[in-house]
PDB file of N, CA and C in Angstrom:
ATOM      1  N   UNK A   1     -28.985 294.658 163.350  1.00  0.00           N
ATOM      2  CA  UNK A   1     -28.837 293.636 164.350  1.00  0.00           C
ATOM      3  C   UNK A   1     -28.720 292.148 163.565  1.00  0.00           C
ATOM      4  N   UNK A   2     -29.968 292.292 162.963  1.00  0.00           N
ATOM      5  CA  UNK A   2     -30.151 290.860 162.138  1.00  0.00           C
ATOM      6  C   UNK A   2     -28.951 290.687 161.217  1.00  0.00           C
ATOM      7  N   UNK A   3     -28.494 291.319 160.502  1.00  0.00           N
ATOM      8  CA  UNK A   3     -27.466 291.033 159.559  1.00  0.00           C
ATOM      9  C   UNK A   3     -26.285 290.743 160.231  1.00  0.00           C
ATOM     10  N   UNK A   4     -25.915 291.354 161.408  1.00  0.00           N
ATOM     11  CA  UNK A   4     -24.609 290.922 162.093  1.00  0.00           C
ATOM     12  C   UNK A   4     -24.949 289.510 162.532  1.00  0.00           C
ATOM     13  N   UNK A   5     -25.987 289.354 163.162  1.00  0.00           N
ATOM     14  CA  UNK A   5     -26.278 287.688 163.627  1.00  0.00           C
ATOM     15  C   UNK A   5     -26.135 286.774 162.659  1.00  0.00           C
ATOM     16  N   UNK A   6     -26.456 287.168 161.275  1.00  0.00           N
ATOM     17  CA  UNK A   6     -26.837 286.242 160.013  1.00  0.00           C
ATOM     18  C   UNK A   6     -25.123 285.874 159.732  1.00  0.00           C
ATOM     19  N   UNK A   7     -24.470 287.335 159.885  1.00  0.00           N
ATOM     20  CA  UNK A   7     -23.162 287.159 159.239  1.00  0.00           C
ATOM     21  C   UNK A   7     -22.126 286.357 160.406  1.00  0.00           C
ATOM     22  N   UNK A   8     -22.756 286.533 161.598  1.00  0.00           N
ATOM     23  CA  UNK A   8     -21.914 285.663 162.611  1.00  0.00           C
ATOM     24  C   UNK A   8     -22.166 284.214 162.405  1.00  0.00           C
ATOM     25  N   UNK A   9     -23.625 283.739 162.034  1.00  0.00           N
ATOM     26  CA  UNK A   9     -23.947 282.313 162.027  1.00  0.00           C
ATOM     27  C   UNK A   9     -23.371 282.005 160.708  1.00  0.00           C
ATOM     28  N   UNK A  10     -23.012 282.586 159.821  1.00  0.00           N
ATOM     29  CA  UNK A  10     -22.584 282.134 158.395  1.00  0.00           C
ATOM     30  C   UNK A  10     -21.244 281.920 158.612  1.00  0.00           C
ATOM     31  N   UNK A  11     -20.535 282.818 159.292  1.00  0.00           N
ATOM     32  CA  UNK A  11     -18.978 282.668 159.442  1.00  0.00           C
ATOM     33  C   UNK A  11     -18.804 281.401 160.422  1.00  0.00           C
ATOM     34  N   UNK A  12     -19.725 281.271 161.599  1.00  0.00           N
ATOM     35  CA  UNK A  12     -19.483 280.002 162.204  1.00  0.00           C
ATOM     36  C   UNK A  12     -19.600 278.510 161.321  1.00  0.00           C
ATOM     37  N   UNK A  13     -20.579 278.693 160.798  1.00  0.00           N
ATOM     38  CA  UNK A  13     -20.980 277.565 159.977  1.00  0.00           C
ATOM     39  C   UNK A  13     -19.979 277.196 158.996  1.00  0.00           C
ATOM     40  N   UNK A  14     -19.304 278.325 158.306  1.00  0.00           N
ATOM     41  CA  UNK A  14     -18.142 277.957 157.113  1.00  0.00           C
ATOM     42  C   UNK A  14     -16.955 277.552 157.847  1.00  0.00           C
ATOM     43  N   UNK A  15     -16.806 278.122 159.182  1.00  0.00           N
ATOM     44  CA  UNK A  15     -15.635 277.558 160.098  1.00  0.00           C
ATOM     45  C   UNK A  15     -15.731 276.225 160.160  1.00  0.00           C
ATOM     46  N   UNK A  16     -16.997 275.885 160.797  1.00  0.00           N
ATOM     47  CA  UNK A  16     -17.326 274.324 161.007  1.00  0.00           C
ATOM     48  C   UNK A  16     -17.077 273.626 159.835  1.00  0.00           C
ATOM     49  N   UNK A  17     -17.492 273.927 158.595  1.00  0.00           N
ATOM     50  CA  UNK A  17     -17.515 273.008 157.506  1.00  0.00           C
ATOM     51  C   UNK A  17     -16.121 273.043 157.221  1.00  0.00           C
ATOM     52  N   UNK A  18     -15.236 273.861 156.875  1.00  0.00           N
ATOM     53  CA  UNK A  18     -13.706 274.085 156.639  1.00  0.00           C
ATOM     54  C   UNK A  18     -12.953 272.967 157.872  1.00  0.00           C
ATOM     55  N   UNK A  19     -13.310 273.290 159.093  1.00  0.00           N
ATOM     56  CA  UNK A  19     -12.799 272.302 160.533  1.00  0.00           C
ATOM     57  C   UNK A  19     -13.235 270.817 159.888  1.00  0.00           C
ATOM     58  N   UNK A  20     -14.304 270.458 159.350  1.00  0.00           N
ATOM     59  CA  UNK A  20     -14.629 269.122 159.241  1.00  0.00           C
ATOM     60  C   UNK A  20     -13.931 268.443 158.077  1.00  0.00           C
ATOM     61  N   UNK A  21     -13.408 269.214 156.951  1.00  0.00           N
ATOM     62  CA  UNK A  21     -13.036 268.934 155.625  1.00  0.00           C
ATOM     63  C   UNK A  21     -11.409 268.907 156.198  1.00  0.00           C
ATOM     64  N   UNK A  22     -10.746 269.678 156.773  1.00  0.00           N
ATOM     65  CA  UNK A  22      -9.299 269.480 157.039  1.00  0.00           C
ATOM     66  C   UNK A  22      -9.154 268.759 158.353  1.00  0.00           C
ATOM     67  N   UNK A  23     -10.118 268.155 158.951  1.00  0.00           N
ATOM     68  CA  UNK A  23      -9.584 267.221 160.296  1.00  0.00           C
ATOM     69  C   UNK A  23      -9.035 266.100 159.787  1.00  0.00           C
ATOM     70  N   UNK A  24      -9.507 265.160 158.730  1.00  0.00           N
ATOM     71  CA  UNK A  24      -9.139 264.088 158.373  1.00  0.00           C
ATOM     72  C   UNK A  24      -7.817 264.280 157.507  1.00  0.00           C
ATOM     73  N   UNK A  25      -7.270 265.512 156.930  1.00  0.00           N
ATOM     74  CA  UNK A  25      -6.158 265.650 156.401  1.00  0.00           C
ATOM     75  C   UNK A  25      -5.066 265.775 157.525  1.00  0.00           C
ATOM     76  N   UNK A  26      -5.634 266.436 158.736  1.00  0.00           N
ATOM     77  CA  UNK A  26      -4.525 266.812 159.572  1.00  0.00           C
ATOM     78  C   UNK A  26      -4.292 265.346 160.384  1.00  0.00           C
ATOM     79  N   UNK A  27      -5.217 264.457 160.444  1.00  0.00           N
ATOM     80  CA  UNK A  27      -5.051 263.200 161.295  1.00  0.00           C
ATOM     81  C   UNK A  27      -4.024 262.230 160.397  1.00  0.00           C
ATOM     82  N   UNK A  28      -4.494 262.321 158.999  1.00  0.00           N
ATOM     83  CA  UNK A  28      -3.619 261.595 158.189  1.00  0.00           C
ATOM     84  C   UNK A  28      -2.089 262.195 158.144  1.00  0.00           C
ATOM     85  N   UNK A  29      -1.919 263.421 158.351  1.00  0.00           N
ATOM     86  CA  UNK A  29      -0.520 263.963 158.401  1.00  0.00           C
ATOM     87  C   UNK A  29       0.079 263.593 159.821  1.00  0.00           C
ATOM     88  N   UNK A  30      -0.687 263.788 160.614  1.00  0.00           N
ATOM     89  CA  UNK A  30       0.000 263.190 161.834  1.00  0.00           C
ATOM     90  C   UNK A  30       0.197 261.629 162.138  1.00  0.00           C
ATOM     91  N   UNK A  31      -0.607 260.799 161.503  1.00  0.00           N
ATOM     92  CA  UNK A  31      -0.246 259.489 161.402  1.00  0.00           C
ATOM     93  C   UNK A  31       0.952 259.218 160.618  1.00  0.00           C
ATOM     94  N   UNK A  32       1.233 259.732 159.505  1.00  0.00           N
ATOM     95  CA  UNK A  32       2.361 259.697 158.656  1.00  0.00           C
ATOM     96  C   UNK A  32       3.597 260.126 159.419  1.00  0.00           C
ATOM     97  N   UNK A  33       3.602 261.369 159.954  1.00  0.00           N
ATOM     98  CA  UNK A  33       4.784 261.959 160.824  1.00  0.00           C
ATOM     99  C   UNK A  33       4.812 260.922 162.060  1.00  0.00           C
ATOM    100  N   UNK A  34       3.976 260.365 162.496  1.00  0.00           N
ATOM    101  CA  UNK A  34       4.189 259.390 163.592  1.00  0.00           C
ATOM    102  C   UNK A  34       4.917 257.819 163.303  1.00  0.00           C
ATOM    103  N   UNK A  35       4.734 257.554 161.988  1.00  0.00           N
ATOM    104  CA  UNK A  35       5.149 256.319 161.591  1.00  0.00           C
ATOM    105  C   UNK A  35       6.522 256.257 161.180  1.00  0.00           C
ATOM    106  N   UNK A  36       7.059 257.707 160.923  1.00  0.00           N
ATOM    107  CA  UNK A  36       8.403 257.793 160.548  1.00  0.00           C
ATOM    108  C   UNK A  36       9.330 257.516 162.107  1.00  0.00           C
ATOM    109  N   UNK A  37       8.590 257.865 163.014  1.00  0.00           N
ATOM    110  CA  UNK A  37       9.418 257.742 164.233  1.00  0.00           C
ATOM    111  C   UNK A  37       9.170 256.563 164.924  1.00  0.00           C
ATOM    112  N   UNK A  38       8.297 255.812 164.241  1.00  0.00           N
ATOM    113  CA  UNK A  38       8.190 254.388 165.009  1.00  0.00           C
ATOM    114  C   UNK A  38       9.191 253.349 164.749  1.00  0.00           C
ATOM    115  N   UNK A  39       9.825 252.606 165.546  1.00  0.00           N
ATOM    116  CA  UNK A  39      10.993 251.688 165.258  1.00  0.00           C
ATOM    117  C   UNK A  39      10.377 250.735 164.472  1.00  0.00           C
ATOM    118  N   UNK A  40      11.080 250.211 163.207  1.00  0.00           N
ATOM    119  CA  UNK A  40      10.984 249.211 162.639  1.00  0.00           C
ATOM    120  C   UNK A  40      11.033 248.000 163.016  1.00  0.00           C
ATOM    121  N   UNK A  41      10.715 246.957 162.525  1.00  0.00           N
ATOM    122  CA  UNK A  41      10.560 245.527 162.923  1.00  0.00           C
ATOM    123  C   UNK A  41      11.963 244.894 162.770  1.00  0.00           C
ATOM    124  N   UNK A  42      12.360 244.249 163.453  1.00  0.00           N
ATOM    125  CA  UNK A  42      13.809 243.919 163.235  1.00  0.00           C
ATOM    126  C   UNK A  42      14.084 242.977 161.816  1.00  0.00           C
ATOM    127  N   UNK A  43      14.865 242.719 161.133  1.00  0.00           N
ATOM    128  CA  UNK A  43      15.399 242.052 160.215  1.00  0.00           C
ATOM    129  C   UNK A  43      15.434 240.665 160.906  1.00  0.00           C
ATOM    130  N   UNK A  44      14.716 239.544 160.238  1.00  0.00           N
ATOM    131  CA  UNK A  44      15.195 238.165 160.519  1.00  0.00           C
ATOM    132  C   UNK A  44      16.604 237.889 160.128  1.00  0.00           C
ATOM    133  N   UNK A  45      17.618 237.112 161.043  1.00  0.00           N
ATOM    134  CA  UNK A  45      18.852 236.630 160.698  1.00  0.00           C
ATOM    135  C   UNK A  45      18.719 235.801 159.611  1.00  0.00           C
ATOM    136  N   UNK A  46      19.823 235.734 158.785  1.00  0.00           N
ATOM    137  CA  UNK A  46      19.925 235.226 157.932  1.00  0.00           C
ATOM    138  C   UNK A  46      20.153 233.664 158.287  1.00  0.00           C
ATOM    139  N   UNK A  47      19.660 232.500 157.721  1.00  0.00           N
ATOM    140  CA  UNK A  47      20.013 231.324 157.974  1.00  0.00           C
ATOM    141  C   UNK A  47      19.563 230.061 156.928  1.00  0.00           C
ATOM    142  N   UNK A  48      20.259 229.237 157.121  1.00  0.00           N
ATOM    143  CA  UNK A  48      20.125 228.098 155.986  1.00  0.00           C
ATOM    144  C   UNK A  48      21.475 228.029 155.143  1.00  0.00           C
ATOM    145  N   UNK A  49      21.590 226.833 154.750  1.00  0.00           N
ATOM    146  CA  UNK A  49      22.664 226.489 154.067  1.00  0.00           C
ATOM    147  C   UNK A  49      22.331 226.668 152.464  1.00  0.00           C
ATOM    148  N   UNK A  50      23.758 227.030 151.882  1.00  0.00           N
ATOM    149  CA  UNK A  50      23.713 227.129 150.542  1.00  0.00           C
ATOM    150  C   UNK A  50      24.145 225.941 149.820  1.00  0.00           C
ATOM    151  N   UNK A  51      23.237 225.401 148.927  1.00  0.00           N
ATOM    152  CA  UNK A  51      23.443 224.126 148.175  1.00  0.00           C
ATOM    153  C   UNK A  51      23.621 224.076 146.562  1.00  0.00           C
ATOM    154  N   UNK A  52      24.724 223.309 146.157  1.00  0.00           N
ATOM    155  CA  UNK A  52      24.862 223.088 144.792  1.00  0.00           C
ATOM    156  C   UNK A  52      24.453 221.564 144.529  1.00  0.00           C
ATOM    157  N   UNK A  53      23.638 221.269 143.426  1.00  0.00           N
ATOM    158  CA  UNK A  53      23.241 219.858 143.234  1.00  0.00           C
ATOM    159  C   UNK A  53      23.662 219.800 141.645  1.00  0.00           C
ATOM    160  N   UNK A  54      24.264 218.444 141.707  1.00  0.00           N
ATOM    161  CA  UNK A  54      24.736 218.120 140.299  1.00  0.00           C
ATOM    162  C   UNK A  54      23.938 216.636 140.062  1.00  0.00           C
ATOM    163  N   UNK A  55      23.904 216.417 138.640  1.00  0.00           N
ATOM    164  CA  UNK A  55      23.219 215.094 138.431  1.00  0.00           C
ATOM    165  C   UNK A  55      24.086 214.821 137.090  1.00  0.00           C
ATOM    166  N   UNK A  56      24.582 213.345 137.482  1.00  0.00           N
ATOM    167  CA  UNK A  56      25.303 212.827 136.270  1.00  0.00           C
ATOM    168  C   UNK A  56      24.749 211.453 136.177  1.00  0.00           C
ATOM    169  N   UNK A  57      24.283 211.150 135.107  1.00  0.00           N
ATOM    170  CA  UNK A  57      23.534 209.914 134.576  1.00  0.00           C
ATOM    171  C   UNK A  57      22.553 209.525 135.769  1.00  0.00           C
ATOM    172  N   UNK A  58      22.642 208.526 136.304  1.00  0.00           N
ATOM    173  CA  UNK A  58      21.815 208.169 137.484  1.00  0.00           C
ATOM    174  C   UNK A  58      22.127 208.516 138.725  1.00  0.00           C
ATOM    175  N   UNK A  59      23.135 209.246 139.003  1.00  0.00           N
ATOM    176  CA  UNK A  59      23.672 209.822 140.308  1.00  0.00           C
ATOM    177  C   UNK A  59      23.305 211.026 140.576  1.00  0.00           C
ATOM    178  N   UNK A  60      22.702 211.309 141.973  1.00  0.00           N
ATOM    179  CA  UNK A  60      22.703 212.968 142.334  1.00  0.00           C
ATOM    180  C   UNK A  60      23.815 212.885 143.459  1.00  0.00           C
ATOM    181  N   UNK A  61      24.396 214.139 143.290  1.00  0.00           N
ATOM    182  CA  UNK A  61      25.351 214.537 144.441  1.00  0.00           C
ATOM    183  C   UNK A  61      25.184 216.220 144.768  1.00  0.00           C
ATOM    184  N   UNK A  62      25.114 216.401 145.724  1.00  0.00           N
ATOM    185  CA  UNK A  62      24.800 217.905 146.385  1.00  0.00           C
ATOM    186  C   UNK A  62      25.862 218.014 147.444  1.00  0.00           C
ATOM    187  N   UNK A  63      26.345 219.496 147.519  1.00  0.00           N
ATOM    188  CA  UNK A  63      27.238 220.211 148.303  1.00  0.00           C
ATOM    189  C   UNK A  63      26.504 221.193 149.260  1.00  0.00           C
ATOM    190  N   UNK A  64      26.409 221.061 150.644  1.00  0.00           N
ATOM    191  CA  UNK A  64      25.767 222.243 151.213  1.00  0.00           C
ATOM    192  C   UNK A  64      26.633 222.892 152.016  1.00  0.00           C
ATOM    193  N   UNK A  65      26.937 224.024 152.057  1.00  0.00           N
ATOM    194  CA  UNK A  65      27.847 224.977 153.007  1.00  0.00           C
ATOM    195  C   UNK A  65      26.905 225.735 153.568  1.00  0.00           C
ATOM    196  N   UNK A  66      26.884 225.709 155.177  1.00  0.00           N
ATOM    197  CA  UNK A  66      26.420 226.803 156.007  1.00  0.00           C
ATOM    198  C   UNK A  66      27.308 227.772 156.195  1.00  0.00           C
ATOM    199  N   UNK A  67      26.980 228.898 155.969  1.00  0.00           N
ATOM    200  CA  UNK A  67      27.884 230.169 156.483  1.00  0.00           C
ATOM    201  C   UNK A  67      27.219 230.830 157.743  1.00  0.00           C
ATOM    202  N   UNK A  68      26.307 230.542 158.181  1.00  0.00           N
ATOM    203  CA  UNK A  68      25.641 231.286 159.108  1.00  0.00           C
ATOM    204  C   UNK A  68      25.718 230.412 160.693  1.00  0.00           C
ATOM    205  N   UNK A  69      25.498 231.182 161.576  1.00  0.00           N
ATOM    206  CA  UNK A  69      25.896 230.640 163.114  1.00  0.00           C
ATOM    207  C   UNK A  69      24.507 229.628 163.538  1.00  0.00           C
ATOM    208  N   UNK A  70      23.718 229.276 162.753  1.00  0.00           N
ATOM    209  CA  UNK A  70      22.731 228.491 163.269  1.00  0.00           C
ATOM    210  C   UNK A  70      22.796 227.210 162.422  1.00  0.00           C
ATOM    211  N   UNK A  71      22.418 225.902 163.271  1.00  0.00           N
ATOM    212  CA  UNK A  71      22.640 224.658 162.522  1.00  0.00           C
ATOM    213  C   UNK A  71      21.431 224.369 161.504  1.00  0.00           C
ATOM    214  N   UNK A  72      21.742 223.939 160.305  1.00  0.00           N
ATOM    215  CA  UNK A  72      20.598 223.900 159.540  1.00  0.00           C
ATOM    216  C   UNK A  72      20.722 222.325 159.227  1.00  0.00           C
ATOM    217  N   UNK A  73      19.270 221.670 159.041  1.00  0.00           N
ATOM    218  CA  UNK A  73      18.953 220.239 158.457  1.00  0.00           C
ATOM    219  C   UNK A  73      18.704 220.221 157.148  1.00  0.00           C
ATOM    220  N   UNK A  74      19.386 219.615 156.292  1.00  0.00           N
ATOM    221  CA  UNK A  74      19.022 219.520 155.089  1.00  0.00           C
ATOM    222  C   UNK A  74      18.706 218.071 154.643  1.00  0.00           C
ATOM    223  N   UNK A  75      17.888 217.978 153.412  1.00  0.00           N
ATOM    224  CA  UNK A  75      17.427 216.523 153.116  1.00  0.00           C
ATOM    225  C   UNK A  75      17.437 216.723 151.818  1.00  0.00           C
ATOM    226  N   UNK A  76      18.194 215.461 151.145  1.00  0.00           N
ATOM    227  CA  UNK A  76      18.151 215.415 149.621  1.00  0.00           C
ATOM    228  C   UNK A  76      16.895 214.670 149.235  1.00  0.00           C
ATOM    229  N   UNK A  77      16.309 215.128 148.160  1.00  0.00           N
ATOM    230  CA  UNK A  77      14.897 214.580 147.460  1.00  0.00           C
ATOM    231  C   UNK A  77      15.398 214.131 146.213  1.00  0.00           C
ATOM    232  N   UNK A  78      14.940 212.944 145.697  1.00  0.00           N
ATOM    233  CA  UNK A  78      15.405 212.366 144.205  1.00  0.00           C
ATOM    234  C   UNK A  78      14.094 211.855 143.664  1.00  0.00           C
ATOM    235  N   UNK A  79      13.746 212.426 142.227  1.00  0.00           N
ATOM    236  CA  UNK A  79      12.661 211.849 141.650  1.00  0.00           C
ATOM    237  C   UNK A  79      13.078 211.431 140.590  1.00  0.00           C
ATOM    238  N   UNK A  80      12.927 210.053 140.329  1.00  0.00           N
ATOM    239  CA  UNK A  80      13.497 209.152 139.239  1.00  0.00           C
ATOM    240  C   UNK A  80      12.624 209.506 137.831  1.00  0.00           C
ATOM    241  N   UNK A  81      13.126 209.356 136.951  1.00  0.00           N
ATOM    242  CA  UNK A  81      12.418 209.476 135.524  1.00  0.00           C
ATOM    243  C   UNK A  81      11.565 208.419 135.366  1.00  0.00           C
ATOM    244  N   UNK A  82      11.897 207.157 135.596  1.00  0.00           N
ATOM    245  CA  UNK A  82      11.053 206.020 135.241  1.00  0.00           C
ATOM    246  C   UNK A  82       9.976 205.826 136.075  1.00  0.00           C
ATOM    247  N   UNK A  83       8.957 205.112 136.100  1.00  0.00           N
ATOM    248  CA  UNK A  83       7.877 205.206 136.486  1.00  0.00           C
ATOM    249  C   UNK A  83       8.041 203.897 137.545  1.00  0.00           C
ATOM    250  N   UNK A  84       8.902 203.195 137.204  1.00  0.00           N
ATOM    251  CA  UNK A  84       8.974 201.887 138.070  1.00  0.00           C
ATOM    252  C   UNK A  84      10.091 202.080 138.969  1.00  0.00           C
ATOM    253  N   UNK A  85      10.847 203.165 138.702  1.00  0.00           N
ATOM    254  CA  UNK A  85      12.039 203.572 139.740  1.00  0.00           C
ATOM    255  C   UNK A  85      11.650 204.164 140.879  1.00  0.00           C
ATOM    256  N   UNK A  86      12.172 203.555 142.238  1.00  0.00           N
ATOM    257  CA  UNK A  86      11.640 204.488 143.269  1.00  0.00           C
ATOM    258  C   UNK A  86      12.308 205.774 143.549  1.00  0.00           C
ATOM    259  N   UNK A  87      11.461 206.741 144.060  1.00  0.00           N
ATOM    260  CA  UNK A  87      11.736 208.173 144.287  1.00  0.00           C
ATOM    261  C   UNK A  87      12.369 207.864 145.738  1.00  0.00           C
ATOM    262  N   UNK A  88      13.400 208.810 146.068  1.00  0.00           N
ATOM    263  CA  UNK A  88      14.019 208.683 147.602  1.00  0.00           C
ATOM    264  C   UNK A  88      13.846 210.148 148.133  1.00  0.00           C
ATOM    265  N   UNK A  89      13.845 209.975 149.350  1.00  0.00           N
ATOM    266  CA  UNK A  89      13.872 211.299 150.256  1.00  0.00           C
ATOM    267  C   UNK A  89      14.754 210.806 151.356  1.00  0.00           C
ATOM    268  N   UNK A  90      16.127 211.448 151.352  1.00  0.00           N
ATOM    269  CA  UNK A  90      16.987 211.017 152.260  1.00  0.00           C
ATOM    270  C   UNK A  90      16.775 211.587 153.500  1.00  0.00           C
ATOM    271  N   UNK A  91      17.669 210.936 154.659  1.00  0.00           N
ATOM    272  CA  UNK A  91      17.422 211.647 155.745  1.00  0.00           C
ATOM    273  C   UNK A  91      18.045 212.924 156.038  1.00  0.00           C
ATOM    274  N   UNK A  92      17.690 213.383 157.332  1.00  0.00           N
ATOM    275  CA  UNK A  92      18.151 214.722 157.341  1.00  0.00           C
ATOM    276  C   UNK A  92      19.464 214.702 158.115  1.00  0.00           C
ATOM    277  N   UNK A  93      20.329 215.803 157.510  1.00  0.00           N
ATOM    278  CA  UNK A  93      21.686 215.649 157.882  1.00  0.00           C
ATOM    279  C   UNK A  93      21.960 217.035 158.280  1.00  0.00           C
ATOM    280  N   UNK A  94      22.650 217.224 159.587  1.00  0.00           N
ATOM    281  CA  UNK A  94      22.747 218.535 160.358  1.00  0.00           C
ATOM    282  C   UNK A  94      24.096 219.276 159.807  1.00  0.00           C
ATOM    283  N   UNK A  95      23.889 220.425 159.264  1.00  0.00           N
ATOM    284  CA  UNK A  95      25.042 220.971 158.586  1.00  0.00           C
ATOM    285  C   UNK A  95      25.260 222.091 159.802  1.00  0.00           C
ATOM    286  N   UNK A  96      26.705 221.849 160.485  1.00  0.00           N
ATOM    287  CA  UNK A  96      26.971 222.882 161.614  1.00  0.00           C
ATOM    288  C   UNK A  96      27.333 224.279 161.077  1.00  0.00           C
ATOM    289  N   UNK A  97      27.578 225.277 161.708  1.00  0.00           N
ATOM    290  CA  UNK A  97      27.833 226.602 160.931  1.00  0.00           C
ATOM    291  C   UNK A  97      29.374 226.235 160.702  1.00  0.00           C
ATOM    292  N   UNK A  98      29.581 227.001 159.412  1.00  0.00           N
ATOM    293  CA  UNK A  98      30.809 226.883 159.012  1.00  0.00           C
ATOM    294  C   UNK A  98      31.240 225.523 158.436  1.00  0.00           C
ATOM    295  N   UNK A  99      30.643 224.748 158.233  1.00  0.00           N
ATOM    296  CA  UNK A  99      30.892 223.565 157.575  1.00  0.00           C
ATOM    297  C   UNK A  99      30.188 222.925 156.390  1.00  0.00           C
ATOM    298  N   UNK A 100      30.573 222.052 155.503  1.00  0.00           N
ATOM    299  CA  UNK A 100      30.054 221.700 154.524  1.00  0.00           C
ATOM    300  C   UNK A 100      29.875 220.091 154.530  1.00  0.00           C
ATOM    301  N   UNK A 101      28.436 219.561 153.921  1.00  0.00           N
ATOM    302  CA  UNK A 101      28.406 218.250 153.806  1.00  0.00           C
ATOM    303  C   UNK A 101      28.139 217.804 152.218  1.00  0.00           C
ATOM    304  N   UNK A 102      28.133 216.559 152.191  1.00  0.00           N
ATOM    305  CA  UNK A 102      27.893 216.054 150.856  1.00  0.00           C
ATOM    306  C   UNK A 102      27.083 214.960 150.984  1.00  0.00           C
ATOM    307  N   UNK A 103      26.048 215.151 150.231  1.00  0.00           N
ATOM    308  CA  UNK A 103      24.588 214.259 150.078  1.00  0.00           C
ATOM    309  C   UNK A 103      24.441 213.579 148.639  1.00  0.00           C
ATOM    310  N   UNK A 104      24.360 212.262 148.720  1.00  0.00           N
ATOM    311  CA  UNK A 104      24.162 211.366 147.651  1.00  0.00           C
ATOM    312  C   UNK A 104      23.148 210.521 147.415  1.00  0.00           C
ATOM    313  N   UNK A 105      22.613 210.343 146.360  1.00  0.00           N
ATOM    314  CA  UNK A 105      21.725 209.606 146.054  1.00  0.00           C
ATOM    315  C   UNK A 105      21.554 209.113 144.446  1.00  0.00           C
ATOM    316  N   UNK A 106      21.021 207.874 144.145  1.00  0.00           N
ATOM    317  CA  UNK A 106      21.033 207.506 142.803  1.00  0.00           C
ATOM    318  C   UNK A 106      19.538 206.833 142.580  1.00  0.00           C
ATOM    319  N   UNK A 107      19.305 206.873 140.992  1.00  0.00           N
ATOM    320  CA  UNK A 107      18.204 206.193 140.520  1.00  0.00           C
ATOM    321  C   UNK A 107      18.717 204.715 139.826  1.00  0.00           C
ATOM    322  N   UNK A 108      18.005 203.831 139.491  1.00  0.00           N
ATOM    323  CA  UNK A 108      18.500 202.842 138.663  1.00  0.00           C
ATOM    324  C   UNK A 108      18.915 203.309 137.257  1.00  0.00           C
ATOM    325  N   UNK A 109      17.915 204.147 136.755  1.00  0.00           N
ATOM    326  CA  UNK A 109      18.076 204.906 135.519  1.00  0.00           C
ATOM    327  C   UNK A 109      18.349 206.107 135.451  1.00  0.00           C
ATOM    328  N   UNK A 110      17.659 207.093 134.998  1.00  0.00           N
ATOM    329  CA  UNK A 110      17.848 208.390 134.817  1.00  0.00           C
ATOM    330  C   UNK A 110      17.060 209.141 136.054  1.00  0.00           C
ATOM    331  N   UNK A 111      17.738 210.329 136.334  1.00  0.00           N
ATOM    332  CA  UNK A 111      17.356 211.114 137.292  1.00  0.00           C
ATOM    333  C   UNK A 111      16.419 212.023 136.765  1.00  0.00           C
ATOM    334  N   UNK A 112      14.781 212.128 137.257  1.00  0.00           N
ATOM    335  CA  UNK A 112      14.081 213.233 136.652  1.00  0.00           C
ATOM    336  C   UNK A 112      14.417 214.747 137.422  1.00  0.00           C
ATOM    337  N   UNK A 113      14.408 214.744 138.809  1.00  0.00           N
ATOM    338  CA  UNK A 113      14.685 215.877 139.265  1.00  0.00           C
ATOM    339  C   UNK A 113      15.192 215.648 140.673  1.00  0.00           C
ATOM    340  N   UNK A 114      15.972 216.558 141.419  1.00  0.00           N
ATOM    341  CA  UNK A 114      16.505 216.796 142.598  1.00  0.00           C
ATOM    342  C   UNK A 114      16.309 217.892 143.413  1.00  0.00           C
ATOM    343  N   UNK A 115      16.097 218.040 144.674  1.00  0.00           N
ATOM    344  CA  UNK A 115      16.164 218.969 145.199  1.00  0.00           C
ATOM    345  C   UNK A 115      16.569 218.985 146.621  1.00  0.00           C
ATOM    346  N   UNK A 116      16.827 220.052 147.443  1.00  0.00           N
ATOM    347  CA  UNK A 116      17.281 220.143 148.770  1.00  0.00           C
ATOM    348  C   UNK A 116      16.087 220.801 149.846  1.00  0.00           C
ATOM    349  N   UNK A 117      15.780 220.276 150.658  1.00  0.00           N
ATOM    350  CA  UNK A 117      14.790 220.978 151.659  1.00  0.00           C
ATOM    351  C   UNK A 117      15.594 221.315 152.792  1.00  0.00           C
ATOM    352  N   UNK A 118      15.083 222.461 153.703  1.00  0.00           N
ATOM    353  CA  UNK A 118      16.071 222.899 154.512  1.00  0.00           C
ATOM    354  C   UNK A 118      15.093 223.011 155.757  1.00  0.00           C
ATOM    355  N   UNK A 119      15.709 222.830 157.053  1.00  0.00           N
ATOM    356  CA  UNK A 119      15.003 223.195 158.431  1.00  0.00           C
ATOM    357  C   UNK A 119      15.969 223.659 159.418  1.00  0.00           C
ATOM    358  N   UNK A 120      15.824 224.779 159.709  1.00  0.00           N
ATOM    359  CA  UNK A 120      16.757 225.466 160.654  1.00  0.00           C
ATOM    360  C   UNK A 120      16.443 225.144 161.854  1.00  0.00           C
ATOM    361  N   UNK A 121      17.303 224.586 162.715  1.00  0.00           N
ATOM    362  CA  UNK A 121      17.022 224.309 164.407  1.00  0.00           C
ATOM    363  C   UNK A 121      18.265 224.659 164.978  1.00  0.00           C
TER     364      UNK A 121
END
C-alpha cells in the first residue's frame, strides 16, 4: 500500500510541476491568438501640403499644394546668412483642399536657410 501511495503522490507532484511550467506558455499562446483577432487602430488620414522651396540670391519662393481634404496652414520661415540681416517668419496662409499657394520672402543679402511649417486645421 505504501508504494502505491508514494507513486500516486509522485505522479500528482509531477503533474503539478508540469502544469506550473506549461501554464505561462498556454497564457502566452492565448494572448497571441487573441491579439490577431483584435481590431487594429485606424490609420490617421493623410494631411498637410506638399511644398517646394527655392532660393535665388536673396529671394525665397515656396509653392505649397494641398491634395488632401483638410485645410493646411503654412508659414515660410527665412533665416538670413548675415548676422545683421533680419530673419523672418511669415504669416500663416490657409491652403484649401486642391489649391496651391505661393509664399515669398527675401533677405538684404544671402539666404542662410528657409523652411515651411504646417498646422492642419
